[in-house]
Amino acid sequence: MNPETLWVSIGEHGWRSPEISSEILAHQGLAFNQNNAVVLAQEQFDQDVIADFGNAMAYFIESGQVWALIIGFVLGYLLRGVTTYR
């Protein structure tokens, strides 16, 4: 049983982890039992914020959203100019 497949949808607001017994976790090697307290192991991973930002900007440009941003700025500036009293 893969722990990633255990998450359950709770409607459109998010996900929750179901109740997992300590025996299942101990059997899978994800936790050990010490004085009747379950201790979960943590997965270590590298977080590359700069690369993630670069990927997000590349997608922003490739998807054409940058044009919507530019058009929105121009139209907003023009609308402000038309509706401002001098």
PDB file of N, CA and C in Angstrom:
ATOM      1  N   MET A   1       0.842  -1.171   0.000  1.00  0.00           N
ATOM      2  CA  MET A   1       0.000   0.000   0.000  1.00  0.00           C
ATOM      3  C   MET A   1       0.891   1.240   0.000  1.00  0.00           C
ATOM      4  N   ASN A   2       0.808   2.051  -1.010  1.00  0.00           N
ATOM      5  CA  ASN A   2       1.627   3.246  -1.161  1.00  0.00           C
ATOM      6  C   ASN A   2       1.024   4.393  -0.356  1.00  0.00           C
ATOM      7  N   PRO A   3       1.803   5.092   0.510  1.00  0.00           N
ATOM      8  CA  PRO A   3       1.251   6.166   1.326  1.00  0.00           C
ATOM      9  C   PRO A   3       0.713   7.324   0.500  1.00  0.00           C
ATOM     10  N   GLU A   4       1.228   7.522  -0.716  1.00  0.00           N
ATOM     11  CA  GLU A   4       0.743   8.623  -1.540  1.00  0.00           C
ATOM     12  C   GLU A   4      -0.667   8.383  -2.047  1.00  0.00           C
ATOM     13  N   THR A   5      -1.094   7.113  -2.127  1.00  0.00           N
ATOM     14  CA  THR A   5      -2.431   6.814  -2.618  1.00  0.00           C
ATOM     15  C   THR A   5      -3.456   6.816  -1.501  1.00  0.00           C
ATOM     16  N   LEU A   6      -3.040   7.109  -0.268  1.00  0.00           N
ATOM     17  CA  LEU A   6      -3.960   7.070   0.857  1.00  0.00           C
ATOM     18  C   LEU A   6      -4.747   8.370   1.045  1.00  0.00           C
ATOM     19  N   TRP A   7      -4.332   9.458   0.394  1.00  0.00           N
ATOM     20  CA  TRP A   7      -5.008  10.733   0.587  1.00  0.00           C
ATOM     21  C   TRP A   7      -6.421  10.664   0.017  1.00  0.00           C
ATOM     22  N   VAL A   8      -7.367  11.264   0.722  1.00  0.00           N
ATOM     23  CA  VAL A   8      -8.773  11.187   0.378  1.00  0.00           C
ATOM     24  C   VAL A   8      -9.294  12.594   0.135  1.00  0.00           C
ATOM     25  N   SER A   9     -10.062  12.772  -0.916  1.00  0.00           N
ATOM     26  CA  SER A   9     -10.641  14.080  -1.227  1.00  0.00           C
ATOM     27  C   SER A   9     -11.737  14.401  -0.221  1.00  0.00           C
ATOM     28  N   ILE A  10     -11.747  15.653   0.263  1.00  0.00           N
ATOM     29  CA  ILE A  10     -12.821  16.093   1.166  1.00  0.00           C
ATOM     30  C   ILE A  10     -13.584  17.226   0.505  1.00  0.00           C
ATOM     31  N   GLY A  11     -14.019  16.971  -0.708  1.00  0.00           N
ATOM     32  CA  GLY A  11     -14.779  17.968  -1.453  1.00  0.00           C
ATOM     33  C   GLY A  11     -13.839  18.857  -2.248  1.00  0.00           C
ATOM     34  N   GLU A  12     -14.314  20.056  -2.525  1.00  0.00           N
ATOM     35  CA  GLU A  12     -13.519  20.958  -3.351  1.00  0.00           C
ATOM     36  C   GLU A  12     -12.555  21.797  -2.535  1.00  0.00           C
ATOM     37  N   HIS A  13     -12.490  21.559  -1.215  1.00  0.00           N
ATOM     38  CA  HIS A  13     -11.648  22.388  -0.354  1.00  0.00           C
ATOM     39  C   HIS A  13     -10.313  21.759  -0.021  1.00  0.00           C
ATOM     40  N   GLY A  14     -10.069  20.532  -0.383  1.00  0.00           N
ATOM     41  CA  GLY A  14      -8.756  19.980  -0.092  1.00  0.00           C
ATOM     42  C   GLY A  14      -8.744  18.477   0.060  1.00  0.00           C
ATOM     43  N   TRP A  15      -7.685  18.023   0.676  1.00  0.00           N
ATOM     44  CA  TRP A  15      -7.434  16.603   0.860  1.00  0.00           C
ATOM     45  C   TRP A  15      -7.106  16.352   2.317  1.00  0.00           C
ATOM     46  N   ARG A  16      -7.337  15.134   2.757  1.00  0.00           N
ATOM     47  CA  ARG A  16      -6.960  14.757   4.113  1.00  0.00           C
ATOM     48  C   ARG A  16      -6.388  13.358   4.077  1.00  0.00           C
ATOM     49  N   SER A  17      -5.544  13.093   5.047  1.00  0.00           N
ATOM     50  CA  SER A  17      -4.971  11.772   5.173  1.00  0.00           C
ATOM     51  C   SER A  17      -5.911  10.919   6.023  1.00  0.00           C
ATOM     52  N   PRO A  18      -6.229   9.717   5.589  1.00  0.00           N
ATOM     53  CA  PRO A  18      -7.113   8.873   6.396  1.00  0.00           C
ATOM     54  C   PRO A  18      -6.391   8.394   7.648  1.00  0.00           C
ATOM     55  N   GLU A  19      -7.173   7.884   8.574  1.00  0.00           N
ATOM     56  CA  GLU A  19      -6.596   7.329   9.802  1.00  0.00           C
ATOM     57  C   GLU A  19      -5.813   6.068   9.449  1.00  0.00           C
ATOM     58  N   ILE A  20      -4.551   6.054   9.787  1.00  0.00           N
ATOM     59  CA  ILE A  20      -3.687   4.911   9.490  1.00  0.00           C
ATOM     60  C   ILE A  20      -3.217   4.332  10.818  1.00  0.00           C
ATOM     61  N   SER A  21      -3.379   3.054  10.960  1.00  0.00           N
ATOM     62  CA  SER A  21      -2.964   2.439  12.213  1.00  0.00           C
ATOM     63  C   SER A  21      -1.442   2.328  12.261  1.00  0.00           C
ATOM     64  N   SER A  22      -0.912   2.303  13.469  1.00  0.00           N
ATOM     65  CA  SER A  22       0.534   2.226  13.638  1.00  0.00           C
ATOM     66  C   SER A  22       1.075   0.881  13.151  1.00  0.00           C
ATOM     67  N   GLU A  23       0.242  -0.167  13.135  1.00  0.00           N
ATOM     68  CA  GLU A  23       0.699  -1.457  12.642  1.00  0.00           C
ATOM     69  C   GLU A  23       0.991  -1.392  11.146  1.00  0.00           C
ATOM     70  N   ILE A  24       0.150  -0.692  10.381  1.00  0.00           N
ATOM     71  CA  ILE A  24       0.367  -0.558   8.940  1.00  0.00           C
ATOM     72  C   ILE A  24       1.653   0.217   8.686  1.00  0.00           C
ATOM     73  N   LEU A  25       1.843   1.309   9.418  1.00  0.00           N
ATOM     74  CA  LEU A  25       3.039   2.123   9.240  1.00  0.00           C
ATOM     75  C   LEU A  25       4.299   1.347   9.612  1.00  0.00           C
ATOM     76  N   ALA A  26       4.248   0.601  10.711  1.00  0.00           N
ATOM     77  CA  ALA A  26       5.405  -0.172  11.149  1.00  0.00           C
ATOM     78  C   ALA A  26       5.713  -1.279  10.142  1.00  0.00           C
ATOM     79  N   HIS A  27       4.660  -1.893   9.587  1.00  0.00           N
ATOM     80  CA  HIS A  27       4.864  -2.955   8.603  1.00  0.00           C
ATOM     81  C   HIS A  27       5.529  -2.399   7.337  1.00  0.00           C
ATOM     82  N   GLN A  28       5.188  -1.186   6.940  1.00  0.00           N
ATOM     83  CA  GLN A  28       5.759  -0.589   5.736  1.00  0.00           C
ATOM     84  C   GLN A  28       7.108   0.063   6.018  1.00  0.00           C
ATOM     85  N   GLY A  29       7.540   0.106   7.247  1.00  0.00           N
ATOM     86  CA  GLY A  29       8.821   0.697   7.579  1.00  0.00           C
ATOM     87  C   GLY A  29       8.781   2.211   7.634  1.00  0.00           C
ATOM     88  N   LEU A  30       7.604   2.806   7.743  1.00  0.00           N
ATOM     89  CA  LEU A  30       7.481   4.258   7.763  1.00  0.00           C
ATOM     90  C   LEU A  30       7.484   4.818   9.177  1.00  0.00           C
ATOM     91  N   ALA A  31       7.298   3.980  10.174  1.00  0.00           N
ATOM     92  CA  ALA A  31       7.247   4.458  11.548  1.00  0.00           C
ATOM     93  C   ALA A  31       7.686   3.328  12.470  1.00  0.00           C
ATOM     94  N   PHE A  32       8.029   3.703  13.664  1.00  0.00           N
ATOM     95  CA  PHE A  32       8.309   2.688  14.662  1.00  0.00           C
ATOM     96  C   PHE A  32       7.589   3.076  15.941  1.00  0.00           C
ATOM     97  N   ASN A  33       7.291   2.098  16.747  1.00  0.00           N
ATOM     98  CA  ASN A  33       6.498   2.312  17.946  1.00  0.00           C
ATOM     99  C   ASN A  33       7.430   2.391  19.150  1.00  0.00           C
ATOM    100  N   GLN A  34       7.361   3.491  19.887  1.00  0.00           N
ATOM    101  CA  GLN A  34       8.205   3.676  21.055  1.00  0.00           C
ATOM    102  C   GLN A  34       7.312   4.181  22.189  1.00  0.00           C
ATOM    103  N   ASN A  35       7.132   3.359  23.191  1.00  0.00           N
ATOM    104  CA  ASN A  35       6.279   3.693  24.340  1.00  0.00           C
ATOM    105  C   ASN A  35       4.874   4.099  23.907  1.00  0.00           C
ATOM    106  N   ASN A  36       4.300   3.338  22.975  1.00  0.00           N
ATOM    107  CA  ASN A  36       2.948   3.555  22.472  1.00  0.00           C
ATOM    108  C   ASN A  36       2.774   4.892  21.768  1.00  0.00           C
ATOM    109  N   ALA A  37       3.845   5.511  21.290  1.00  0.00           N
ATOM    110  CA  ALA A  37       3.767   6.753  20.522  1.00  0.00           C
ATOM    111  C   ALA A  37       4.316   6.491  19.126  1.00  0.00           C
ATOM    112  N   VAL A  38       3.576   6.882  18.105  1.00  0.00           N
ATOM    113  CA  VAL A  38       3.988   6.663  16.728  1.00  0.00           C
ATOM    114  C   VAL A  38       4.875   7.824  16.294  1.00  0.00           C
ATOM    115  N   VAL A  39       6.048   7.496  15.755  1.00  0.00           N
ATOM    116  CA  VAL A  39       6.982   8.500  15.250  1.00  0.00           C
ATOM    117  C   VAL A  39       7.103   8.281  13.748  1.00  0.00           C
ATOM    118  N   LEU A  40       6.749   9.292  12.965  1.00  0.00           N
ATOM    119  CA  LEU A  40       6.794   9.173  11.511  1.00  0.00           C
ATOM    120  C   LEU A  40       8.139   9.641  10.993  1.00  0.00           C
ATOM    121  N   ALA A  41       8.625   8.985   9.957  1.00  0.00           N
ATOM    122  CA  ALA A  41       9.876   9.383   9.313  1.00  0.00           C
ATOM    123  C   ALA A  41       9.586  10.483   8.302  1.00  0.00           C
ATOM    124  N   GLN A  42      10.551  11.350   8.107  1.00  0.00           N
ATOM    125  CA  GLN A  42      10.382  12.467   7.186  1.00  0.00           C
ATOM    126  C   GLN A  42      11.201  12.219   5.932  1.00  0.00           C
ATOM    127  N   GLU A  43      10.642  12.549   4.778  1.00  0.00           N
ATOM    128  CA  GLU A  43      11.354  12.379   3.515  1.00  0.00           C
ATOM    129  C   GLU A  43      12.164  13.640   3.230  1.00  0.00           C
ATOM    130  N   GLN A  44      13.424  13.471   2.912  1.00  0.00           N
ATOM    131  CA  GLN A  44      14.291  14.603   2.586  1.00  0.00           C
ATOM    132  C   GLN A  44      14.307  14.816   1.077  1.00  0.00           C
ATOM    133  N   PHE A  45      14.265  16.071   0.650  1.00  0.00           N
ATOM    134  CA  PHE A  45      14.347  16.385  -0.769  1.00  0.00           C
ATOM    135  C   PHE A  45      15.007  17.744  -0.942  1.00  0.00           C
ATOM    136  N   ASP A  46      15.552  17.968  -2.120  1.00  0.00           N
ATOM    137  CA  ASP A  46      16.188  19.240  -2.436  1.00  0.00           C
ATOM    138  C   ASP A  46      15.150  20.173  -3.040  1.00  0.00           C
ATOM    139  N   GLN A  47      15.110  21.389  -2.547  1.00  0.00           N
ATOM    140  CA  GLN A  47      14.193  22.388  -3.065  1.00  0.00           C
ATOM    141  C   GLN A  47      15.011  23.429  -3.814  1.00  0.00           C
ATOM    142  N   ASP A  48      14.779  23.566  -5.099  1.00  0.00           N
ATOM    143  CA  ASP A  48      15.489  24.537  -5.919  1.00  0.00           C
ATOM    144  C   ASP A  48      14.515  25.647  -6.300  1.00  0.00           C
ATOM    145  N   VAL A  49      14.479  26.697  -5.498  1.00  0.00           N
ATOM    146  CA  VAL A  49      13.513  27.781  -5.664  1.00  0.00           C
ATOM    147  C   VAL A  49      13.782  28.548  -6.962  1.00  0.00           C
ATOM    148  N   ILE A  50      15.039  28.777  -7.276  1.00  0.00           N
ATOM    149  CA  ILE A  50      15.384  29.531  -8.480  1.00  0.00           C
ATOM    150  C   ILE A  50      14.932  28.783  -9.739  1.00  0.00           C
ATOM    151  N   ALA A  51      15.163  27.478  -9.790  1.00  0.00           N
ATOM    152  CA  ALA A  51      14.739  26.685 -10.949  1.00  0.00           C
ATOM    153  C   ALA A  51      13.213  26.637 -11.041  1.00  0.00           C
ATOM    154  N   ASP A  52      12.534  26.519  -9.893  1.00  0.00           N
ATOM    155  CA  ASP A  52      11.070  26.522  -9.902  1.00  0.00           C
ATOM    156  C   ASP A  52      10.526  27.843 -10.421  1.00  0.00           C
ATOM    157  N   PHE A  53      11.156  28.965 -10.007  1.00  0.00           N
ATOM    158  CA  PHE A  53      10.724  30.276 -10.489  1.00  0.00           C
ATOM    159  C   PHE A  53      10.971  30.394 -11.992  1.00  0.00           C
ATOM    160  N   GLY A  54      12.113  29.897 -12.458  1.00  0.00           N
ATOM    161  CA  GLY A  54      12.410  29.925 -13.888  1.00  0.00           C
ATOM    162  C   GLY A  54      11.415  29.116 -14.694  1.00  0.00           C
ATOM    163  N   ASN A  55      11.036  27.946 -14.171  1.00  0.00           N
ATOM    164  CA  ASN A  55      10.034  27.120 -14.859  1.00  0.00           C
ATOM    165  C   ASN A  55       8.674  27.817 -14.886  1.00  0.00           C
ATOM    166  N   ALA A  56       8.321  28.488 -13.795  1.00  0.00           N
ATOM    167  CA  ALA A  56       7.045  29.197 -13.749  1.00  0.00           C
ATOM    168  C   ALA A  56       7.026  30.353 -14.740  1.00  0.00           C
ATOM    169  N   MET A  57       8.139  31.092 -14.844  1.00  0.00           N
ATOM    170  CA  MET A  57       8.201  32.207 -15.791  1.00  0.00           C
ATOM    171  C   MET A  57       8.174  31.708 -17.234  1.00  0.00           C
ATOM    172  N   ALA A  58       8.850  30.590 -17.500  1.00  0.00           N
ATOM    173  CA  ALA A  58       8.840  30.017 -18.849  1.00  0.00           C
ATOM    174  C   ALA A  58       7.422  29.603 -19.243  1.00  0.00           C
ATOM    175  N   TYR A  59       6.696  28.999 -18.312  1.00  0.00           N
ATOM    176  CA  TYR A  59       5.304  28.609 -18.586  1.00  0.00           C
ATOM    177  C   TYR A  59       4.426  29.841 -18.766  1.00  0.00           C
ATOM    178  N   PHE A  60       4.684  30.893 -17.961  1.00  0.00           N
ATOM    179  CA  PHE A  60       3.925  32.135 -18.043  1.00  0.00           C
ATOM    180  C   PHE A  60       4.060  32.747 -19.435  1.00  0.00           C
ATOM    181  N   ILE A  61       5.243  32.715 -19.986  1.00  0.00           N
ATOM    182  CA  ILE A  61       5.477  33.289 -21.312  1.00  0.00           C
ATOM    183  C   ILE A  61       4.951  32.361 -22.404  1.00  0.00           C
ATOM    184  N   GLU A  62       5.213  31.049 -22.296  1.00  0.00           N
ATOM    185  CA  GLU A  62       4.780  30.095 -23.319  1.00  0.00           C
ATOM    186  C   GLU A  62       3.266  30.001 -23.427  1.00  0.00           C
ATOM    187  N   SER A  63       2.564  30.160 -22.314  1.00  0.00           N
ATOM    188  CA  SER A  63       1.105  30.002 -22.329  1.00  0.00           C
ATOM    189  C   SER A  63       0.393  31.247 -22.833  1.00  0.00           C
ATOM    190  N   GLY A  64       1.124  32.349 -23.030  1.00  0.00           N
ATOM    191  CA  GLY A  64       0.505  33.565 -23.543  1.00  0.00           C
ATOM    192  C   GLY A  64      -0.084  34.457 -22.472  1.00  0.00           C
ATOM    193  N   GLN A  65       0.110  34.117 -21.228  1.00  0.00           N
ATOM    194  CA  GLN A  65      -0.443  34.938 -20.152  1.00  0.00           C
ATOM    195  C   GLN A  65       0.249  36.292 -20.057  1.00  0.00           C
ATOM    196  N   VAL A  66       1.472  36.383 -20.550  1.00  0.00           N
ATOM    197  CA  VAL A  66       2.184  37.658 -20.527  1.00  0.00           C
ATOM    198  C   VAL A  66       1.456  38.677 -21.411  1.00  0.00           C
ATOM    199  N   TRP A  67       0.858  38.225 -22.518  1.00  0.00           N
ATOM    200  CA  TRP A  67       0.100  39.138 -23.374  1.00  0.00           C
ATOM    201  C   TRP A  67      -1.154  39.633 -22.671  1.00  0.00           C
ATOM    202  N   ALA A  68      -1.803  38.782 -21.923  1.00  0.00           N
ATOM    203  CA  ALA A  68      -2.982  39.216 -21.164  1.00  0.00           C
ATOM    204  C   ALA A  68      -2.589  40.247 -20.118  1.00  0.00           C
ATOM    205  N   LEU A  69      -1.427  40.071 -19.499  1.00  0.00           N
ATOM    206  CA  LEU A  69      -0.944  41.031 -18.507  1.00  0.00           C
ATOM    207  C   LEU A  69      -0.666  42.384 -19.157  1.00  0.00           C
ATOM    208  N   ILE A  70       0.016  42.378 -20.286  1.00  0.00           N
ATOM    209  CA  ILE A  70       0.338  43.635 -20.972  1.00  0.00           C
ATOM    210  C   ILE A  70      -0.930  44.340 -21.440  1.00  0.00           C
ATOM    211  N   ILE A  71      -1.857  43.606 -22.043  1.00  0.00           N
ATOM    212  CA  ILE A  71      -3.119  44.191 -22.497  1.00  0.00           C
ATOM    213  C   ILE A  71      -3.904  44.744 -21.315  1.00  0.00           C
ATOM    214  N   GLY A  72      -3.891  44.028 -20.187  1.00  0.00           N
ATOM    215  CA  GLY A  72      -4.583  44.513 -18.993  1.00  0.00           C
ATOM    216  C   GLY A  72      -3.990  45.805 -18.467  1.00  0.00           C
ATOM    217  N   PHE A  73      -2.658  45.913 -18.472  1.00  0.00           N
ATOM    218  CA  PHE A  73      -2.015  47.161 -18.040  1.00  0.00           C
ATOM    219  C   PHE A  73      -2.386  48.317 -18.969  1.00  0.00           C
ATOM    220  N   VAL A  74      -2.345  48.086 -20.283  1.00  0.00           N
ATOM    221  CA  VAL A  74      -2.650  49.148 -21.243  1.00  0.00           C
ATOM    222  C   VAL A  74      -4.105  49.587 -21.112  1.00  0.00           C
ATOM    223  N   LEU A  75      -5.021  48.636 -21.079  1.00  0.00           N
ATOM    224  CA  LEU A  75      -6.438  48.988 -20.948  1.00  0.00           C
ATOM    225  C   LEU A  75      -6.729  49.664 -19.610  1.00  0.00           C
ATOM    226  N   GLY A  76      -6.097  49.218 -18.560  1.00  0.00           N
ATOM    227  CA  GLY A  76      -6.295  49.851 -17.255  1.00  0.00           C
ATOM    228  C   GLY A  76      -5.785  51.271 -17.240  1.00  0.00           C
ATOM    229  N   TYR A  77      -4.631  51.505 -17.878  1.00  0.00           N
ATOM    230  CA  TYR A  77      -4.074  52.857 -17.954  1.00  0.00           C
ATOM    231  C   TYR A  77      -4.990  53.764 -18.771  1.00  0.00           C
ATOM    232  N   LEU A  78      -5.501  53.253 -19.899  1.00  0.00           N
ATOM    233  CA  LEU A  78      -6.404  54.046 -20.733  1.00  0.00           C
ATOM    234  C   LEU A  78      -7.712  54.347 -20.002  1.00  0.00           C
ATOM    235  N   LEU A  79      -8.255  53.365 -19.312  1.00  0.00           N
ATOM    236  CA  LEU A  79      -9.500  53.566 -18.562  1.00  0.00           C
ATOM    237  C   LEU A  79      -9.292  54.568 -17.435  1.00  0.00           C
ATOM    238  N   ARG A  80      -8.148  54.497 -16.768  1.00  0.00           N
ATOM    239  CA  ARG A  80      -7.849  55.476 -15.722  1.00  0.00           C
ATOM    240  C   ARG A  80      -7.750  56.878 -16.318  1.00  0.00           C
ATOM    241  N   GLY A  81      -7.116  56.975 -17.467  1.00  0.00           N
ATOM    242  CA  GLY A  81      -6.982  58.282 -18.112  1.00  0.00           C
ATOM    243  C   GLY A  81      -8.314  58.869 -18.529  1.00  0.00           C
ATOM    244  N   VAL A  82      -9.241  58.022 -18.966  1.00  0.00           N
ATOM    245  CA  VAL A  82     -10.548  58.495 -19.397  1.00  0.00           C
ATOM    246  C   VAL A  82     -11.418  58.894 -18.216  1.00  0.00           C
ATOM    247  N   THR A  83     -11.304  58.184 -17.119  1.00  0.00           N
ATOM    248  CA  THR A  83     -12.213  58.431 -15.981  1.00  0.00           C
ATOM    249  C   THR A  83     -11.646  59.387 -14.939  1.00  0.00           C
ATOM    250  N   THR A  84     -10.407  59.847 -15.093  1.00  0.00           N
ATOM    251  CA  THR A  84      -9.802  60.759 -14.105  1.00  0.00           C
ATOM    252  C   THR A  84     -10.196  62.195 -14.444  1.00  0.00           C
ATOM    253  N   TYR A  85     -10.656  62.916 -13.426  1.00  0.00           N
ATOM    254  CA  TYR A  85     -11.030  64.320 -13.606  1.00  0.00           C
ATOM    255  C   TYR A  85      -9.827  65.204 -13.336  1.00  0.00           C
ATOM    256  N   ARG A  86      -9.551  66.129 -14.238  1.00  0.00           N
ATOM    257  CA  ARG A  86      -8.436  67.050 -14.064  1.00  0.00           C
ATOM    258  C   ARG A  86      -8.924  68.452 -13.955  1.00  0.00           C
TER     259      ARG A  86
END
